[in-house]
Amino acid sequence: MSKMLRIVNATVLLFVSVLMFGFVVQPTDVAAFDRLVSAKEEVNTPVLGKLLFFTNPYCGYCRKFETEVGNGYHNTDAAKQLPLIEVTMSDPGRYEDIAMTVYLTPTFIVTDADNNEHHRIQGYANSEMFWWKVDEILTGLNQGQSKHTVAHIK
């Protein structure tokens, strides 16, 4: 959100709070205010699951993915429906059960809110192949298809 738009939103919030409540409501945390506005803007975009990115520090293709796609993924429309979560194989944390099924990196696994696997992409060649597969998965999820798919990208 641009700085000017934030200033306008803060001014409107101040004006409305004085009119409606008789006192001033000030967003003391600009980041929290941005999250509220951002959440309001994204109401019409349902989160369909999570895109888990299983990586390890010695994986050259993982670094290639991060350079070509990962660093900007959070700014894409896909990220609104499938937020990317990086999981390091040496310390998978709450995704340990899923990590036990991962045999190569990078591996991308689409899960639902209960961490049930729905789709898997193994490997990474280039951004075009990755986005083609993600678009295919999102189309299926948006159409209510729950068929499990596994794609091997070399």
Protein backbone atom coordinates (compact mmCIF):
# COMPACT_ATOMS: atom_id res chain seq x y z
CA MET A 1 0.00 0.00 0.00
CA SER A 2 1.44 3.38 -0.93
CA LYS A 3 2.37 5.88 1.75
CA MET A 4 -0.18 8.38 0.44
CA LEU A 5 -2.98 5.80 0.61
CA ARG A 6 -2.00 4.94 4.21
CA ILE A 7 -2.15 8.62 5.15
CA VAL A 8 -5.59 8.96 3.55
CA ASN A 9 -6.82 5.82 5.32
CA ALA A 10 -5.47 7.03 8.67
CA THR A 11 -7.14 10.41 8.15
CA VAL A 12 -10.46 8.78 7.30
CA LEU A 13 -10.14 6.52 10.39
CA LEU A 14 -9.47 9.56 12.55
CA PHE A 15 -12.42 11.50 11.09
CA VAL A 16 -14.87 8.59 11.38
CA SER A 17 -13.79 7.77 14.95
CA VAL A 18 -14.40 11.37 16.06
CA LEU A 19 -17.80 11.51 14.35
CA MET A 20 -19.04 8.10 15.47
CA PHE A 21 -17.44 7.61 18.84
CA GLY A 22 -16.56 11.11 20.01
CA PHE A 23 -12.94 10.19 20.55
CA VAL A 24 -9.85 9.58 18.49
CA VAL A 25 -8.83 6.07 17.48
CA GLN A 26 -5.20 6.13 16.44
CA PRO A 27 -3.39 3.22 14.88
CA THR A 28 -0.27 3.14 17.03
CA ASP A 29 1.28 0.31 15.05
CA VAL A 30 1.49 1.18 11.34
CA ALA A 31 2.25 -2.44 10.45
CA ALA A 32 -0.88 -3.61 12.29
CA PHE A 33 -2.94 -0.96 10.49
CA ASP A 34 -1.50 -2.13 7.14
CA ARG A 35 -2.41 -5.74 8.00
CA LEU A 36 -5.99 -4.71 8.80
CA VAL A 37 -6.34 -2.82 5.52
CA SER A 38 -4.65 -5.63 3.60
CA ALA A 39 -6.94 -8.24 5.17
CA LYS A 40 -9.97 -6.16 4.22
CA GLU A 41 -8.74 -5.94 0.61
CA GLU A 42 -8.25 -9.71 0.40
CA VAL A 43 -11.63 -10.79 1.77
CA ASN A 44 -12.74 -12.02 -1.65
CA THR A 45 -9.67 -14.24 -2.10
CA PRO A 46 -10.08 -17.46 -0.10
CA VAL A 47 -6.99 -19.20 1.23
CA LEU A 48 -7.12 -22.69 -0.28
CA GLY A 49 -4.23 -24.20 1.65
CA LYS A 50 -0.49 -23.84 2.08
CA LEU A 51 2.38 -24.40 -0.33
CA LEU A 52 5.15 -26.01 1.70
CA PHE A 53 8.61 -25.57 0.18
CA PHE A 54 10.95 -28.29 1.48
CA THR A 55 14.56 -27.21 1.13
CA ASN A 56 18.04 -27.79 2.48
CA PRO A 57 21.04 -25.46 2.64
CA TYR A 58 23.07 -27.51 0.13
CA CYS A 59 20.42 -27.61 -2.61
CA GLY A 60 21.40 -25.61 -5.70
CA TYR A 61 17.95 -25.96 -7.26
CA CYS A 62 16.40 -24.60 -4.04
CA ARG A 63 18.58 -21.49 -4.33
CA LYS A 64 17.61 -21.18 -8.00
CA PHE A 65 13.91 -21.34 -7.03
CA GLU A 66 14.40 -18.72 -4.33
CA THR A 67 16.13 -16.39 -6.80
CA GLU A 68 13.69 -16.86 -9.68
CA VAL A 69 10.38 -17.27 -7.81
CA GLY A 70 10.58 -17.46 -4.04
CA ASN A 71 11.78 -13.94 -3.29
CA GLY A 72 8.76 -12.42 -5.05
CA TYR A 73 6.19 -15.16 -4.48
CA HIS A 74 4.46 -13.28 -1.62
CA ASN A 75 3.54 -10.49 -4.09
CA THR A 76 1.66 -12.82 -6.46
CA ASP A 77 -2.03 -13.70 -6.71
CA ALA A 78 -1.10 -17.34 -6.04
CA ALA A 79 0.29 -16.36 -2.62
CA LYS A 80 -3.13 -15.08 -1.58
CA GLN A 81 -4.60 -18.56 -2.02
CA LEU A 82 -1.52 -20.69 -1.31
CA PRO A 83 0.91 -18.91 1.01
CA LEU A 84 4.47 -20.25 0.64
CA ILE A 85 6.01 -21.70 3.80
CA GLU A 86 9.69 -22.66 3.70
CA VAL A 87 10.50 -25.84 5.60
CA THR A 88 14.13 -26.80 6.16
CA MET A 89 14.65 -30.55 6.05
CA SER A 90 17.10 -30.48 8.97
CA ASP A 91 14.51 -28.80 11.20
CA PRO A 92 10.97 -29.33 9.82
CA GLY A 93 9.23 -28.40 13.08
CA ARG A 94 5.48 -28.97 12.93
CA TYR A 95 5.80 -30.44 9.41
CA GLU A 96 7.97 -33.38 10.54
CA ASP A 97 5.40 -36.02 9.52
CA ILE A 98 5.22 -34.62 5.99
CA ALA A 99 9.01 -34.14 5.80
CA MET A 100 9.45 -37.87 6.38
CA THR A 101 7.84 -38.46 2.95
CA VAL A 102 10.17 -36.03 1.15
CA TYR A 103 13.11 -37.72 -0.57
CA LEU A 104 14.55 -34.88 -2.65
CA THR A 105 14.68 -31.12 -2.55
CA PRO A 106 13.16 -28.93 -3.60
CA THR A 107 9.75 -30.48 -3.05
CA PHE A 108 6.59 -28.40 -2.93
CA ILE A 109 3.54 -29.84 -1.17
CA VAL A 110 0.06 -28.29 -1.17
CA THR A 111 -1.73 -29.02 2.10
CA ASP A 112 -5.05 -28.05 3.60
CA ALA A 113 -5.50 -26.46 7.03
CA ASP A 114 -5.09 -29.88 8.71
CA ASN A 115 -1.80 -30.54 6.85
CA ASN A 116 -3.34 -33.22 4.62
CA GLU A 117 -1.39 -33.43 1.37
CA HIS A 118 -3.30 -32.71 -1.84
CA HIS A 119 -0.62 -32.04 -4.45
CA ARG A 120 3.13 -32.46 -4.74
CA ILE A 121 5.72 -30.97 -7.09
CA GLN A 122 9.12 -32.67 -6.92
CA GLY A 123 12.10 -30.79 -8.30
CA TYR A 124 12.56 -27.43 -9.93
CA ALA A 125 13.77 -26.64 -13.45
CA ASN A 126 12.66 -23.08 -14.12
CA SER A 127 9.99 -20.54 -13.22
CA GLU A 128 7.83 -21.32 -16.27
CA MET A 129 7.44 -24.98 -15.33
CA PHE A 130 6.79 -24.09 -11.69
CA TRP A 131 4.08 -21.52 -12.50
CA TRP A 132 2.46 -23.84 -15.04
CA LYS A 133 2.09 -26.51 -12.34
CA VAL A 134 0.92 -24.05 -9.64
CA ASP A 135 -1.68 -22.59 -12.03
CA GLU A 136 -2.91 -26.10 -12.80
CA ILE A 137 -3.21 -26.90 -9.08
CA LEU A 138 -4.99 -23.62 -8.29
CA THR A 139 -7.46 -24.14 -11.14
CA GLY A 140 -8.32 -27.57 -9.76
CA LEU A 141 -8.66 -26.30 -6.19
CA ASN A 142 -10.86 -23.38 -7.28
CA GLN A 143 -13.10 -25.82 -9.15
CA GLY A 144 -13.42 -28.01 -6.05
CA GLN A 145 -11.33 -30.88 -7.39
CA SER A 146 -9.49 -32.75 -4.67
CA LYS A 147 -7.66 -35.29 -6.85
CA HIS A 148 -4.13 -35.84 -5.54
CA THR A 149 -1.42 -35.10 -8.10
CA VAL A 150 2.33 -35.62 -8.16
CA ALA A 151 4.50 -33.83 -10.72
CA HIS A 152 8.18 -34.51 -11.31
CA ILE A 153 9.96 -31.50 -12.82
CA LYS A 154 13.45 -32.06 -14.14
